[in-house]
Amino acid sequence: MRRKIMINAAVFLSGVALMAEPTSTIELRDGQFEESTPNGSFPSSGAWQRSWLGEAGAVCTTTAGRSGNGLWAYTGPNSSDQWSATYQEFTCPPGTVLRAEGWVRTPPGEEWVKGSKAEFQVRFLDGNGNELATVASEPLSTPSTDWQRRVLVTCPAPIGTVRVRYVCYLEKPSGEVGHSVANFDDCSLRLQEEPHFQTVKSP
């Protein structure tokens, strides 16, 4: 059985680096949300994909933008409406090392459930869509209306990787009611030119 492994990008784990095979271009489209209409509906560019639980969601607005448009992500009011995970996905061979960036904040005057987090994630998936490894940026875990930049460099994509997913991720604690809201903007994902190899260390 494959294990899902969560790696914080600030931690470098020891191990043997995997060699990446030649890969197709991996680059976000509409990373600044300027190709989408800021009308309070899900980004309309066709680049981003929906993923959330219950009454959680994400929309494109000018109020969510660091400059221009941005992504307004929110959890739902019920305890089951736990997360929002708007994403883009690309073909990705084993051994690929990626650099992900983005900006995040909590908007003025909006709710925030204690223990919530907003972060960027890079998820490596196998051919069936199962997660082999997830690399996460430093989370925004307390409300802040100041925009904060996040950068992460992934471990080499594990053996069996077929796809990679870049995620604007917002989550509130399990079992908690109430809304949490976060804004995401100026997102990017690309091949790391000078790989800082990180690999999963088996227990």
C-alpha atoms as a PDB file:
ATOM      1  CA  MET A   1       0.000   0.000   0.000  1.00  0.00           C
ATOM      2  CA  ARG A   2       1.342   3.447  -0.891  1.00  0.00           C
ATOM      3  CA  ARG A   3       1.797   5.905   1.932  1.00  0.00           C
ATOM      4  CA  LYS A   4       0.739   9.530   1.686  1.00  0.00           C
ATOM      5  CA  ILE A   5       3.607  11.639   3.007  1.00  0.00           C
ATOM      6  CA  MET A   6       3.330  15.299   4.053  1.00  0.00           C
ATOM      7  CA  ILE A   7       6.561  17.300   3.843  1.00  0.00           C
ATOM      8  CA  ASN A   8       6.952  20.873   5.102  1.00  0.00           C
ATOM      9  CA  ALA A   9       9.037  22.754   2.563  1.00  0.00           C
ATOM     10  CA  ALA A  10      11.134  24.368   5.284  1.00  0.00           C
ATOM     11  CA  VAL A  11      12.505  20.973   6.326  1.00  0.00           C
ATOM     12  CA  PHE A  12      15.164  19.214   4.232  1.00  0.00           C
ATOM     13  CA  LEU A  13      15.140  15.458   4.629  1.00  0.00           C
ATOM     14  CA  SER A  14      18.107  13.239   3.972  1.00  0.00           C
ATOM     15  CA  GLY A  15      18.150  10.593   1.280  1.00  0.00           C
ATOM     16  CA  VAL A  16      19.255   9.812  -2.240  1.00  0.00           C
ATOM     17  CA  ALA A  17      18.095  12.181  -4.959  1.00  0.00           C
ATOM     18  CA  LEU A  18      16.100  10.782  -7.833  1.00  0.00           C
ATOM     19  CA  MET A  19      17.088  11.648 -11.414  1.00  0.00           C
ATOM     20  CA  ALA A  20      14.374  13.425 -13.363  1.00  0.00           C
ATOM     21  CA  GLU A  21      13.530  12.323 -16.871  1.00  0.00           C
ATOM     22  CA  PRO A  22      12.830  14.955 -19.535  1.00  0.00           C
ATOM     23  CA  THR A  23       9.486  16.586 -18.747  1.00  0.00           C
ATOM     24  CA  SER A  24       6.907  18.683 -20.529  1.00  0.00           C
ATOM     25  CA  THR A  25       6.482  22.314 -19.574  1.00  0.00           C
ATOM     26  CA  ILE A  26       5.021  22.814 -16.129  1.00  0.00           C
ATOM     27  CA  GLU A  27       3.812  26.377 -15.706  1.00  0.00           C
ATOM     28  CA  LEU A  28       0.646  27.784 -14.174  1.00  0.00           C
ATOM     29  CA  ARG A  29      -1.829  29.581 -16.376  1.00  0.00           C
ATOM     30  CA  ASP A  30      -3.820  32.495 -14.940  1.00  0.00           C
ATOM     31  CA  GLY A  31      -1.645  32.523 -11.824  1.00  0.00           C
ATOM     32  CA  GLN A  32      -2.573  36.171 -11.223  1.00  0.00           C
ATOM     33  CA  PHE A  33      -6.274  35.519 -11.958  1.00  0.00           C
ATOM     34  CA  GLU A  34      -6.279  38.298 -14.571  1.00  0.00           C
ATOM     35  CA  GLU A  35      -7.625  35.937 -17.253  1.00  0.00           C
ATOM     36  CA  SER A  36     -10.712  35.325 -15.097  1.00  0.00           C
ATOM     37  CA  THR A  37     -13.722  37.612 -14.693  1.00  0.00           C
ATOM     38  CA  PRO A  38     -13.859  39.059 -11.138  1.00  0.00           C
ATOM     39  CA  ASN A  39     -17.610  38.637 -10.747  1.00  0.00           C
ATOM     40  CA  GLY A  40     -17.785  36.562  -7.559  1.00  0.00           C
ATOM     41  CA  SER A  41     -17.891  33.215  -9.339  1.00  0.00           C
ATOM     42  CA  PHE A  42     -15.238  30.518  -9.706  1.00  0.00           C
ATOM     43  CA  PRO A  43     -12.265  31.637 -11.879  1.00  0.00           C
ATOM     44  CA  SER A  44     -13.507  31.568 -15.470  1.00  0.00           C
ATOM     45  CA  SER A  45     -10.216  31.173 -17.373  1.00  0.00           C
ATOM     46  CA  GLY A  46     -10.545  27.388 -17.457  1.00  0.00           C
ATOM     47  CA  ALA A  47      -7.088  26.961 -15.926  1.00  0.00           C
ATOM     48  CA  TRP A  48      -8.216  26.355 -12.345  1.00  0.00           C
ATOM     49  CA  GLN A  49     -10.175  23.348 -11.066  1.00  0.00           C
ATOM     50  CA  ARG A  50     -12.718  23.180  -8.249  1.00  0.00           C
ATOM     51  CA  SER A  51     -12.202  21.080  -5.138  1.00  0.00           C
ATOM     52  CA  TRP A  52     -13.860  21.623  -1.747  1.00  0.00           C
ATOM     53  CA  LEU A  53     -16.200  20.119   0.809  1.00  0.00           C
ATOM     54  CA  GLY A  54     -19.843  21.055   1.274  1.00  0.00           C
ATOM     55  CA  GLU A  55     -20.506  24.803   1.353  1.00  0.00           C
ATOM     56  CA  ALA A  56     -16.836  25.743   1.156  1.00  0.00           C
ATOM     57  CA  GLY A  57     -15.640  27.258  -2.118  1.00  0.00           C
ATOM     58  CA  ALA A  58     -13.567  29.823  -3.989  1.00  0.00           C
ATOM     59  CA  VAL A  59     -14.372  32.769  -6.261  1.00  0.00           C
ATOM     60  CA  CYS A  60     -12.506  35.406  -8.262  1.00  0.00           C
ATOM     61  CA  THR A  61     -12.875  39.017  -7.072  1.00  0.00           C
ATOM     62  CA  THR A  62     -10.948  42.284  -7.157  1.00  0.00           C
ATOM     63  CA  THR A  63     -11.168  42.480  -3.347  1.00  0.00           C
ATOM     64  CA  ALA A  64      -9.104  39.274  -3.165  1.00  0.00           C
ATOM     65  CA  GLY A  65      -6.317  40.604  -5.365  1.00  0.00           C
ATOM     66  CA  ARG A  66      -2.880  41.770  -4.340  1.00  0.00           C
ATOM     67  CA  SER A  67      -3.009  43.669  -7.612  1.00  0.00           C
ATOM     68  CA  GLY A  68      -5.979  43.316  -9.912  1.00  0.00           C
ATOM     69  CA  ASN A  69      -7.904  40.086  -9.336  1.00  0.00           C
ATOM     70  CA  GLY A  70      -7.348  37.321  -6.798  1.00  0.00           C
ATOM     71  CA  LEU A  71      -8.842  34.143  -5.343  1.00  0.00           C
ATOM     72  CA  TRP A  72     -11.275  34.466  -2.429  1.00  0.00           C
ATOM     73  CA  ALA A  73     -11.302  31.048  -0.718  1.00  0.00           C
ATOM     74  CA  TYR A  74     -13.584  30.134   2.174  1.00  0.00           C
ATOM     75  CA  THR A  75     -14.682  27.213   4.311  1.00  0.00           C
ATOM     76  CA  GLY A  76     -18.374  26.565   4.885  1.00  0.00           C
ATOM     77  CA  PRO A  77     -20.221  27.221   8.154  1.00  0.00           C
ATOM     78  CA  ASN A  78     -20.745  23.568   9.063  1.00  0.00           C
ATOM     79  CA  SER A  79     -18.154  21.299  10.641  1.00  0.00           C
ATOM     80  CA  SER A  80     -18.183  19.136   7.505  1.00  0.00           C
ATOM     81  CA  ASP A  81     -17.340  22.121   5.241  1.00  0.00           C
ATOM     82  CA  GLN A  82     -13.712  21.823   6.264  1.00  0.00           C
ATOM     83  CA  TRP A  83     -11.525  22.776   3.302  1.00  0.00           C
ATOM     84  CA  SER A  84     -11.183  24.520  -0.044  1.00  0.00           C
ATOM     85  CA  ALA A  85      -8.463  23.410  -2.488  1.00  0.00           C
ATOM     86  CA  THR A  86      -8.530  25.187  -5.869  1.00  0.00           C
ATOM     87  CA  TYR A  87      -5.838  23.647  -8.102  1.00  0.00           C
ATOM     88  CA  GLN A  88      -4.088  23.179 -11.431  1.00  0.00           C
ATOM     89  CA  GLU A  89      -2.637  19.832 -12.554  1.00  0.00           C
ATOM     90  CA  PHE A  90       0.122  18.823 -14.994  1.00  0.00           C
ATOM     91  CA  THR A  91       1.922  15.776 -16.342  1.00  0.00           C
ATOM     92  CA  CYS A  92       5.037  15.134 -14.234  1.00  0.00           C
ATOM     93  CA  PRO A  93       7.603  12.275 -14.368  1.00  0.00           C
ATOM     94  CA  PRO A  94       9.420  10.864 -11.311  1.00  0.00           C
ATOM     95  CA  GLY A  95      12.430  12.848 -10.146  1.00  0.00           C
ATOM     96  CA  THR A  96      11.070  16.262 -11.160  1.00  0.00           C
ATOM     97  CA  VAL A  97      11.917  19.100  -8.740  1.00  0.00           C
ATOM     98  CA  LEU A  98       9.614  22.108  -8.730  1.00  0.00           C
ATOM     99  CA  ARG A  99       9.554  25.628  -7.315  1.00  0.00           C
ATOM    100  CA  ALA A 100       6.191  27.006  -6.211  1.00  0.00           C
ATOM    101  CA  GLU A 101       5.393  30.550  -5.133  1.00  0.00           C
ATOM    102  CA  GLY A 102       2.377  32.607  -4.143  1.00  0.00           C
ATOM    103  CA  TRP A 103       1.020  35.335  -1.903  1.00  0.00           C
ATOM    104  CA  VAL A 104      -1.603  34.858   0.804  1.00  0.00           C
ATOM    105  CA  ARG A 105      -3.480  36.925   3.394  1.00  0.00           C
ATOM    106  CA  THR A 106      -6.737  37.089   5.329  1.00  0.00           C
ATOM    107  CA  PRO A 107      -9.050  39.873   4.099  1.00  0.00           C
ATOM    108  CA  PRO A 108     -10.063  42.720   6.456  1.00  0.00           C
ATOM    109  CA  GLY A 109     -13.177  42.169   8.517  1.00  0.00           C
ATOM    110  CA  GLU A 110     -13.661  38.498   7.627  1.00  0.00           C
ATOM    111  CA  GLU A 111     -14.008  35.472   9.894  1.00  0.00           C
ATOM    112  CA  TRP A 112     -11.221  33.106  10.894  1.00  0.00           C
ATOM    113  CA  VAL A 113     -11.750  29.924  12.913  1.00  0.00           C
ATOM    114  CA  LYS A 114      -8.933  29.424  15.405  1.00  0.00           C
ATOM    115  CA  GLY A 115      -6.590  26.664  14.226  1.00  0.00           C
ATOM    116  CA  SER A 116      -7.266  27.270  10.528  1.00  0.00           C
ATOM    117  CA  LYS A 117      -4.458  27.451   7.985  1.00  0.00           C
ATOM    118  CA  ALA A 118      -3.949  28.796   4.461  1.00  0.00           C
ATOM    119  CA  GLU A 119      -1.015  27.500   2.432  1.00  0.00           C
ATOM    120  CA  PHE A 120       0.249  26.465  -0.984  1.00  0.00           C
ATOM    121  CA  GLN A 121       0.705  22.760  -1.676  1.00  0.00           C
ATOM    122  CA  VAL A 122       2.376  20.712  -4.395  1.00  0.00           C
ATOM    123  CA  ARG A 123       0.959  17.179  -4.564  1.00  0.00           C
ATOM    124  CA  PHE A 124       2.558  14.337  -6.521  1.00  0.00           C
ATOM    125  CA  LEU A 125       0.002  11.836  -7.844  1.00  0.00           C
ATOM    126  CA  ASP A 126       0.164   8.377  -9.379  1.00  0.00           C
ATOM    127  CA  GLY A 127      -1.770   7.241 -12.448  1.00  0.00           C
ATOM    128  CA  ASN A 128      -4.901   6.593 -10.365  1.00  0.00           C
ATOM    129  CA  GLY A 129      -4.857  10.030  -8.748  1.00  0.00           C
ATOM    130  CA  ASN A 130      -3.547   8.767  -5.391  1.00  0.00           C
ATOM    131  CA  GLU A 131      -1.274  11.174  -3.508  1.00  0.00           C
ATOM    132  CA  LEU A 132       2.282   9.872  -3.180  1.00  0.00           C
ATOM    133  CA  ALA A 133       3.707  12.960  -1.457  1.00  0.00           C
ATOM    134  CA  THR A 134       2.567  16.478  -0.587  1.00  0.00           C
ATOM    135  CA  VAL A 135       4.935  19.403  -0.082  1.00  0.00           C
ATOM    136  CA  ALA A 136       3.434  22.379   1.768  1.00  0.00           C
ATOM    137  CA  SER A 137       4.565  25.957   2.199  1.00  0.00           C
ATOM    138  CA  GLU A 138       4.779  27.635   5.575  1.00  0.00           C
ATOM    139  CA  PRO A 139       1.113  28.072   6.538  1.00  0.00           C
ATOM    140  CA  LEU A 140      -0.660  31.294   7.358  1.00  0.00           C
ATOM    141  CA  SER A 141      -2.122  30.208  10.683  1.00  0.00           C
ATOM    142  CA  THR A 142      -3.190  33.507  12.286  1.00  0.00           C
ATOM    143  CA  PRO A 143      -5.204  36.294  10.657  1.00  0.00           C
ATOM    144  CA  SER A 144      -3.086  38.875   8.824  1.00  0.00           C
ATOM    145  CA  THR A 145      -4.332  41.469   6.352  1.00  0.00           C
ATOM    146  CA  ASP A 146      -0.750  42.001   5.145  1.00  0.00           C
ATOM    147  CA  TRP A 147       0.137  39.994   2.062  1.00  0.00           C
ATOM    148  CA  GLN A 148       2.747  37.334   2.785  1.00  0.00           C
ATOM    149  CA  ARG A 149       4.924  35.664   0.150  1.00  0.00           C
ATOM    150  CA  ARG A 150       5.442  31.924   0.270  1.00  0.00           C
ATOM    151  CA  VAL A 151       8.110  29.971  -1.646  1.00  0.00           C
ATOM    152  CA  LEU A 152       8.765  26.234  -1.608  1.00  0.00           C
ATOM    153  CA  VAL A 153      11.082  23.863  -3.453  1.00  0.00           C
ATOM    154  CA  THR A 154       9.846  20.300  -3.602  1.00  0.00           C
ATOM    155  CA  CYS A 155      11.544  17.001  -3.066  1.00  0.00           C
ATOM    156  CA  PRO A 156      12.083  15.013  -6.298  1.00  0.00           C
ATOM    157  CA  ALA A 157       8.794  13.539  -7.454  1.00  0.00           C
ATOM    158  CA  PRO A 158       8.594   9.978  -6.045  1.00  0.00           C
ATOM    159  CA  ILE A 159       8.772   6.834  -8.171  1.00  0.00           C
ATOM    160  CA  GLY A 160       5.329   6.232  -9.659  1.00  0.00           C
ATOM    161  CA  THR A 161       4.514   9.931 -10.117  1.00  0.00           C
ATOM    162  CA  VAL A 162       2.430  10.684 -13.207  1.00  0.00           C
ATOM    163  CA  ARG A 163       0.823  14.046 -12.362  1.00  0.00           C
ATOM    164  CA  VAL A 164       1.546  17.041 -10.135  1.00  0.00           C
ATOM    165  CA  ARG A 165      -1.030  19.370  -8.598  1.00  0.00           C
ATOM    166  CA  TYR A 166      -0.525  22.972  -7.396  1.00  0.00           C
ATOM    167  CA  VAL A 167      -3.090  23.832  -4.708  1.00  0.00           C
ATOM    168  CA  CYS A 168      -4.320  27.025  -3.025  1.00  0.00           C
ATOM    169  CA  TYR A 169      -5.359  25.324   0.207  1.00  0.00           C
ATOM    170  CA  LEU A 170      -7.503  26.605   3.083  1.00  0.00           C
ATOM    171  CA  GLU A 171      -8.552  24.380   5.982  1.00  0.00           C
ATOM    172  CA  LYS A 172     -10.236  24.793   9.348  1.00  0.00           C
ATOM    173  CA  PRO A 173      -9.876  22.242  12.174  1.00  0.00           C
ATOM    174  CA  SER A 174     -11.940  19.077  12.001  1.00  0.00           C
ATOM    175  CA  GLY A 175     -15.256  19.361  13.850  1.00  0.00           C
ATOM    176  CA  GLU A 176     -15.241  23.175  14.016  1.00  0.00           C
ATOM    177  CA  VAL A 177     -18.132  25.325  12.814  1.00  0.00           C
ATOM    178  CA  GLY A 178     -17.817  28.800  11.305  1.00  0.00           C
ATOM    179  CA  HIS A 179     -16.155  30.368   8.295  1.00  0.00           C
ATOM    180  CA  SER A 180     -12.496  30.949   7.572  1.00  0.00           C
ATOM    181  CA  VAL A 181     -11.551  33.159   4.627  1.00  0.00           C
ATOM    182  CA  ALA A 182      -8.216  33.627   2.830  1.00  0.00           C
ATOM    183  CA  ASN A 183      -7.036  35.362  -0.337  1.00  0.00           C
ATOM    184  CA  PHE A 184      -4.471  33.921  -2.783  1.00  0.00           C
ATOM    185  CA  ASP A 185      -2.722  35.723  -5.641  1.00  0.00           C
ATOM    186  CA  ASP A 186       0.372  35.867  -7.882  1.00  0.00           C
ATOM    187  CA  CYS A 187       0.753  32.084  -7.966  1.00  0.00           C
ATOM    188  CA  SER A 188       3.501  30.310  -9.907  1.00  0.00           C
ATOM    189  CA  LEU A 189       4.882  26.803 -10.443  1.00  0.00           C
ATOM    190  CA  ARG A 190       7.906  25.925 -12.568  1.00  0.00           C
ATOM    191  CA  LEU A 191      10.844  23.558 -12.841  1.00  0.00           C
ATOM    192  CA  GLN A 192      13.583  24.258 -10.293  1.00  0.00           C
ATOM    193  CA  GLU A 193      16.675  25.294 -12.251  1.00  0.00           C
ATOM    194  CA  GLU A 194      19.167  24.348  -9.540  1.00  0.00           C
ATOM    195  CA  PRO A 195      17.551  21.468  -7.647  1.00  0.00           C
ATOM    196  CA  HIS A 196      17.779  21.435  -3.864  1.00  0.00           C
ATOM    197  CA  PHE A 197      17.086  17.725  -3.564  1.00  0.00           C
ATOM    198  CA  GLN A 198      14.832  16.599  -0.770  1.00  0.00           C
ATOM    199  CA  THR A 199      13.642  13.018  -0.523  1.00  0.00           C
ATOM    200  CA  VAL A 200      11.400  11.100   1.749  1.00  0.00           C
ATOM    201  CA  LYS A 201      13.201   9.337   4.552  1.00  0.00           C
ATOM    202  CA  SER A 202      11.637   6.001   5.406  1.00  0.00           C
ATOM    203  CA  PRO A 203      10.880   5.438   9.098  1.00  0.00           C
END
